[in-house]
Amino acid sequence: MLFFFFQLKFFQLVVLAASGLISLAYAYPFIPSSRGQLSLRLVPGFKLWAIVLVWVISCAVLPLLEQGLDLKLVLFFTFQQAAFVTALTIPFDIRDLPVDYDFQKTLPQIFGIRSSRKIALSFLALSEAVAIGLYLLGFVTPELVLCHTFVLLLSAVLVSRAKTQNRQFYFTIAIDGMIILQGALFLLAEYYI
């Protein structure tokens, strides 16, 4: 990591540092409250959004800014990826339902498991709509949209099966694997199809 640290530009280091600070704040209690010190994970209603923010900064914003792409493309793609990551994060909140504190106000605590699944599916649909919009605006190829659609369909199957008792394989390989699969398919579509 030290080698790559010196290979990065200053703005990349700043963006990664911000992402790292949010990650630390997610785990480390530093916010004073009536319940004692809270981490971002325990701030009511913020758990999901802290995760989405870190993923989007690290996996969408930073790579796109590095490419010097059109600001409109960066905004649309960031929004599309935020919807995708949000949908994939909701099953983790479903898993954590038995151990999360009531005051955290996660989506499954507020809306229940079935409605949380529907919300996740809605975020997947939103991600697809933005992907189609990116194609219609001429920013991406139809192959990229098809790859994204394939990943979203697999994700929809996984999200619709989210429950509190899923095996660890479901989360670490299947759900998290959708982000890796999307990236791999994008590379295949861009360079080999």
Foldseek 3Di string as FASTA:
>chain_A
DVVVVVVDDPVLVVLVVVLVVLVCLQPDFDPQDPVGTDRLCQQAPRNLVSVLVSCLSVPQQSVVVVVVDDPVVSVLLSLLSSLLSSLLCLLVVQQCVVPHDLRNNDCCSVPNLQVSLVSSLVSLVVSLVSLVVCVVVPNDDVQLSVQSVVLSVQSNVLSNPRHNPDDVCSNPCRSVVSVVSSVVSNVCSVPPD
